[in-house]
Amino acid sequence: MANEKIPLTYKGHPLRRKDNIIYYGDMSDSHIIQLQILDTKPVGDLNVATKVSIQLQLTSPDLKGRDRVVKRSEKDSLYAAIDIASVWLDRALSAR
């Protein structure tokens, strides 16, 4: 059981990280969230995000990068960013 890879999820949607970008949602769905950590500050032994960009994006491969962005915002913490991201994603997926 220790060898099984259990994907990290938040409120039922998967989270994937690549460097300072976190993707929230499933690429097979119509929308996904991109969280980009723009700034951090050291707190003890950890770097804590102090500025995070949020983008609600369409997952259609036919669209160019700019055309995929539906909504965007910036927040002062990763918690605030993921909180608003979960609301945006749930609303976008339920409006299908």
N, C-alpha and C. Protein backbone atom coordinates (compact mmCIF):
# COMPACT_ATOMS: atom_id res chain seq x y z
N MET A 1 0.82 -1.19 0.00
CA MET A 1 0.00 0.00 0.00
C MET A 1 0.86 1.26 0.00
N ALA A 2 2.04 1.20 0.57
CA ALA A 2 2.92 2.36 0.60
C ALA A 2 3.43 2.72 -0.79
N ASN A 3 3.45 1.76 -1.71
CA ASN A 3 3.93 2.01 -3.06
C ASN A 3 2.88 2.65 -3.96
N GLU A 4 1.62 2.62 -3.56
CA GLU A 4 0.56 3.22 -4.36
C GLU A 4 0.69 4.74 -4.35
N LYS A 5 0.54 5.33 -5.53
CA LYS A 5 0.58 6.80 -5.61
C LYS A 5 -0.84 7.32 -5.56
N ILE A 6 -1.18 7.98 -4.49
CA ILE A 6 -2.50 8.59 -4.34
C ILE A 6 -2.35 10.06 -4.72
N PRO A 7 -3.06 10.52 -5.77
CA PRO A 7 -2.92 11.92 -6.19
C PRO A 7 -3.46 12.87 -5.13
N LEU A 8 -2.81 14.01 -5.03
CA LEU A 8 -3.25 15.05 -4.10
C LEU A 8 -4.50 15.70 -4.67
N THR A 9 -5.54 15.83 -3.85
CA THR A 9 -6.79 16.46 -4.29
C THR A 9 -7.21 17.52 -3.27
N TYR A 10 -8.04 18.44 -3.73
CA TYR A 10 -8.65 19.45 -2.87
C TYR A 10 -10.10 19.57 -3.30
N LYS A 11 -11.01 19.30 -2.39
CA LYS A 11 -12.44 19.35 -2.65
C LYS A 11 -12.83 18.53 -3.89
N GLY A 12 -12.22 17.36 -4.01
CA GLY A 12 -12.59 16.43 -5.06
C GLY A 12 -11.93 16.64 -6.42
N HIS A 13 -11.07 17.64 -6.56
CA HIS A 13 -10.39 17.90 -7.82
C HIS A 13 -8.88 17.70 -7.63
N PRO A 14 -8.20 17.12 -8.62
CA PRO A 14 -6.77 16.86 -8.48
C PRO A 14 -5.92 18.12 -8.54
N LEU A 15 -4.79 18.07 -7.85
CA LEU A 15 -3.80 19.15 -7.87
C LEU A 15 -2.51 18.59 -8.46
N ARG A 16 -1.91 19.32 -9.38
CA ARG A 16 -0.63 18.95 -9.98
C ARG A 16 0.27 20.17 -9.92
N ARG A 17 1.55 19.96 -9.58
CA ARG A 17 2.48 21.08 -9.47
C ARG A 17 3.65 20.89 -10.42
N LYS A 18 4.05 21.99 -11.07
CA LYS A 18 5.25 22.04 -11.90
C LYS A 18 5.94 23.35 -11.58
N ASP A 19 7.05 23.28 -10.85
CA ASP A 19 7.80 24.45 -10.40
C ASP A 19 6.90 25.37 -9.57
N ASN A 20 6.66 26.60 -10.04
CA ASN A 20 5.82 27.54 -9.28
C ASN A 20 4.39 27.61 -9.81
N ILE A 21 3.99 26.65 -10.63
CA ILE A 21 2.63 26.61 -11.17
C ILE A 21 1.91 25.38 -10.65
N ILE A 22 0.67 25.60 -10.17
CA ILE A 22 -0.17 24.51 -9.68
C ILE A 22 -1.41 24.46 -10.57
N TYR A 23 -1.69 23.28 -11.10
CA TYR A 23 -2.90 23.07 -11.90
C TYR A 23 -3.93 22.39 -11.02
N TYR A 24 -5.14 22.93 -11.01
CA TYR A 24 -6.22 22.44 -10.17
C TYR A 24 -7.38 22.04 -11.07
N GLY A 25 -7.71 20.77 -11.06
CA GLY A 25 -8.79 20.26 -11.91
C GLY A 25 -8.29 19.16 -12.81
N ASP A 26 -9.20 18.60 -13.55
CA ASP A 26 -8.91 17.48 -14.45
C ASP A 26 -8.90 17.98 -15.89
N MET A 27 -7.84 17.67 -16.63
CA MET A 27 -7.72 18.15 -18.01
C MET A 27 -8.81 17.57 -18.93
N SER A 28 -9.47 16.51 -18.51
CA SER A 28 -10.55 15.96 -19.33
C SER A 28 -11.86 16.73 -19.14
N ASP A 29 -11.92 17.62 -18.15
CA ASP A 29 -13.09 18.48 -17.95
C ASP A 29 -13.00 19.70 -18.88
N SER A 30 -14.05 20.50 -18.91
CA SER A 30 -14.09 21.66 -19.80
C SER A 30 -13.24 22.83 -19.30
N HIS A 31 -13.01 22.90 -17.98
CA HIS A 31 -12.24 24.00 -17.39
C HIS A 31 -11.20 23.46 -16.41
N ILE A 32 -10.18 24.26 -16.18
CA ILE A 32 -9.13 23.95 -15.21
C ILE A 32 -8.65 25.28 -14.63
N ILE A 33 -8.06 25.22 -13.44
CA ILE A 33 -7.50 26.42 -12.81
C ILE A 33 -5.98 26.34 -12.85
N GLN A 34 -5.34 27.48 -13.18
CA GLN A 34 -3.89 27.58 -13.10
C GLN A 34 -3.56 28.58 -12.00
N LEU A 35 -2.82 28.13 -11.00
CA LEU A 35 -2.36 28.99 -9.92
C LEU A 35 -0.86 29.19 -10.11
N GLN A 36 -0.42 30.42 -10.22
CA GLN A 36 1.00 30.69 -10.37
C GLN A 36 1.49 31.51 -9.19
N ILE A 37 2.48 30.96 -8.48
CA ILE A 37 3.05 31.66 -7.33
C ILE A 37 4.03 32.70 -7.86
N LEU A 38 3.70 33.97 -7.63
CA LEU A 38 4.49 35.08 -8.17
C LEU A 38 5.54 35.57 -7.18
N ASP A 39 5.26 35.45 -5.88
CA ASP A 39 6.20 35.96 -4.88
C ASP A 39 6.09 35.12 -3.61
N THR A 40 7.20 34.94 -2.92
CA THR A 40 7.23 34.19 -1.67
C THR A 40 8.05 34.94 -0.64
N LYS A 41 7.87 34.55 0.63
CA LYS A 41 8.71 35.08 1.70
C LYS A 41 9.07 33.92 2.62
N PRO A 42 10.26 33.94 3.19
CA PRO A 42 10.65 32.87 4.10
C PRO A 42 9.97 33.02 5.46
N VAL A 43 9.42 31.91 5.95
CA VAL A 43 8.84 31.85 7.29
C VAL A 43 9.42 30.59 7.93
N GLY A 44 10.38 30.79 8.82
CA GLY A 44 11.08 29.64 9.39
C GLY A 44 11.87 28.94 8.30
N ASP A 45 11.64 27.64 8.13
CA ASP A 45 12.34 26.86 7.11
C ASP A 45 11.59 26.79 5.79
N LEU A 46 10.40 27.38 5.71
CA LEU A 46 9.56 27.29 4.51
C LEU A 46 9.47 28.62 3.78
N ASN A 47 9.25 28.53 2.46
CA ASN A 47 8.89 29.70 1.67
C ASN A 47 7.38 29.72 1.53
N VAL A 48 6.76 30.81 1.93
CA VAL A 48 5.30 30.94 1.92
C VAL A 48 4.90 31.91 0.81
N ALA A 49 3.90 31.53 0.02
CA ALA A 49 3.43 32.36 -1.08
C ALA A 49 2.79 33.64 -0.55
N THR A 50 3.19 34.78 -1.11
CA THR A 50 2.61 36.06 -0.72
C THR A 50 1.87 36.74 -1.87
N LYS A 51 2.01 36.20 -3.08
CA LYS A 51 1.29 36.73 -4.23
C LYS A 51 1.05 35.58 -5.20
N VAL A 52 -0.24 35.31 -5.47
CA VAL A 52 -0.61 34.17 -6.31
C VAL A 52 -1.58 34.64 -7.40
N SER A 53 -1.27 34.30 -8.64
CA SER A 53 -2.14 34.60 -9.78
C SER A 53 -3.06 33.41 -10.02
N ILE A 54 -4.34 33.68 -10.25
CA ILE A 54 -5.34 32.64 -10.49
C ILE A 54 -5.93 32.85 -11.88
N GLN A 55 -6.03 31.77 -12.66
CA GLN A 55 -6.67 31.85 -13.97
C GLN A 55 -7.61 30.66 -14.14
N LEU A 56 -8.86 30.94 -14.48
CA LEU A 56 -9.80 29.91 -14.90
C LEU A 56 -9.63 29.78 -16.40
N GLN A 57 -9.30 28.56 -16.86
CA GLN A 57 -9.00 28.36 -18.27
C GLN A 57 -9.86 27.26 -18.87
N LEU A 58 -10.14 27.41 -20.15
CA LEU A 58 -10.76 26.34 -20.92
C LEU A 58 -9.68 25.33 -21.29
N THR A 59 -10.04 24.06 -21.40
CA THR A 59 -9.05 23.03 -21.71
C THR A 59 -9.03 22.63 -23.18
N SER A 60 -9.79 23.30 -24.01
CA SER A 60 -9.86 22.98 -25.44
C SER A 60 -8.50 23.14 -26.10
N PRO A 61 -7.97 22.10 -26.74
CA PRO A 61 -6.67 22.21 -27.40
C PRO A 61 -6.71 23.07 -28.67
N ASP A 62 -7.90 23.40 -29.15
CA ASP A 62 -8.03 24.21 -30.36
C ASP A 62 -7.80 25.69 -30.11
N LEU A 63 -7.85 26.12 -28.86
CA LEU A 63 -7.72 27.54 -28.53
C LEU A 63 -6.27 27.91 -28.26
N LYS A 64 -5.91 29.15 -28.57
CA LYS A 64 -4.59 29.68 -28.23
C LYS A 64 -4.56 29.99 -26.74
N GLY A 65 -3.37 30.16 -26.17
CA GLY A 65 -3.19 30.40 -24.75
C GLY A 65 -4.02 31.55 -24.21
N ARG A 66 -4.02 32.69 -24.90
CA ARG A 66 -4.78 33.86 -24.45
C ARG A 66 -6.28 33.64 -24.48
N ASP A 67 -6.73 32.91 -25.50
CA ASP A 67 -8.16 32.68 -25.66
C ASP A 67 -8.72 31.70 -24.65
N ARG A 68 -7.86 30.94 -24.00
CA ARG A 68 -8.31 29.96 -23.01
C ARG A 68 -8.73 30.60 -21.69
N VAL A 69 -8.16 31.75 -21.36
CA VAL A 69 -8.40 32.38 -20.06
C VAL A 69 -9.82 32.95 -20.01
N VAL A 70 -10.59 32.50 -19.02
CA VAL A 70 -11.97 32.96 -18.83
C VAL A 70 -12.01 34.04 -17.75
N LYS A 71 -11.32 33.80 -16.64
CA LYS A 71 -11.27 34.73 -15.50
C LYS A 71 -9.86 34.75 -14.95
N ARG A 72 -9.49 35.88 -14.33
CA ARG A 72 -8.20 35.96 -13.66
C ARG A 72 -8.28 36.87 -12.45
N SER A 73 -7.41 36.60 -11.48
CA SER A 73 -7.34 37.42 -10.27
C SER A 73 -5.99 37.19 -9.60
N GLU A 74 -5.70 37.98 -8.58
CA GLU A 74 -4.50 37.79 -7.76
C GLU A 74 -4.90 37.84 -6.31
N LYS A 75 -4.29 36.99 -5.51
CA LYS A 75 -4.54 36.93 -4.07
C LYS A 75 -3.22 36.99 -3.31
N ASP A 76 -3.31 37.29 -2.01
CA ASP A 76 -2.13 37.47 -1.17
C ASP A 76 -1.67 36.21 -0.47
N SER A 77 -2.37 35.10 -0.66
CA SER A 77 -1.93 33.84 -0.04
C SER A 77 -2.41 32.67 -0.89
N LEU A 78 -1.74 31.55 -0.75
CA LEU A 78 -2.15 30.36 -1.48
C LEU A 78 -3.51 29.87 -1.01
N TYR A 79 -3.78 30.00 0.29
CA TYR A 79 -5.08 29.57 0.82
C TYR A 79 -6.22 30.37 0.19
N ALA A 80 -6.08 31.68 0.13
CA ALA A 80 -7.13 32.52 -0.47
C ALA A 80 -7.28 32.21 -1.95
N ALA A 81 -6.17 31.93 -2.62
CA ALA A 81 -6.21 31.64 -4.05
C ALA A 81 -6.91 30.30 -4.32
N ILE A 82 -6.57 29.27 -3.58
CA ILE A 82 -7.18 27.96 -3.81
C ILE A 82 -8.64 27.96 -3.40
N ASP A 83 -8.99 28.78 -2.43
CA ASP A 83 -10.38 28.89 -1.99
C ASP A 83 -11.25 29.49 -3.10
N ILE A 84 -10.81 30.58 -3.70
CA ILE A 84 -11.59 31.19 -4.79
C ILE A 84 -11.53 30.30 -6.03
N ALA A 85 -10.41 29.62 -6.24
CA ALA A 85 -10.27 28.73 -7.39
C ALA A 85 -11.27 27.58 -7.34
N SER A 86 -11.51 27.04 -6.15
CA SER A 86 -12.46 25.92 -6.03
C SER A 86 -13.88 26.38 -6.35
N VAL A 87 -14.23 27.60 -5.96
CA VAL A 87 -15.56 28.15 -6.28
C VAL A 87 -15.69 28.37 -7.78
N TRP A 88 -14.69 28.99 -8.39
CA TRP A 88 -14.72 29.24 -9.84
C TRP A 88 -14.84 27.94 -10.61
N LEU A 89 -14.04 26.93 -10.23
CA LEU A 89 -14.04 25.67 -10.96
C LEU A 89 -15.37 24.94 -10.81
N ASP A 90 -15.92 24.90 -9.60
CA ASP A 90 -17.21 24.24 -9.39
C ASP A 90 -18.31 24.92 -10.20
N ARG A 91 -18.33 26.24 -10.21
CA ARG A 91 -19.34 26.98 -10.99
C ARG A 91 -19.18 26.75 -12.48
N ALA A 92 -17.95 26.76 -12.97
CA ALA A 92 -17.71 26.56 -14.41
C ALA A 92 -18.09 25.15 -14.84
N LEU A 93 -17.80 24.16 -14.01
CA LEU A 93 -18.12 22.79 -14.36
C LEU A 93 -19.60 22.48 -14.23
N SER A 94 -20.29 23.17 -13.34
CA SER A 94 -21.72 22.92 -13.18
C SER A 94 -22.56 23.65 -14.24
N ALA A 95 -21.98 24.61 -14.93
CA ALA A 95 -22.69 25.39 -15.95
C ALA A 95 -22.66 24.72 -17.31
N ARG A 96 -22.17 23.50 -17.39
CA ARG A 96 -22.06 22.80 -18.69
C ARG A 96 -23.38 22.60 -19.34
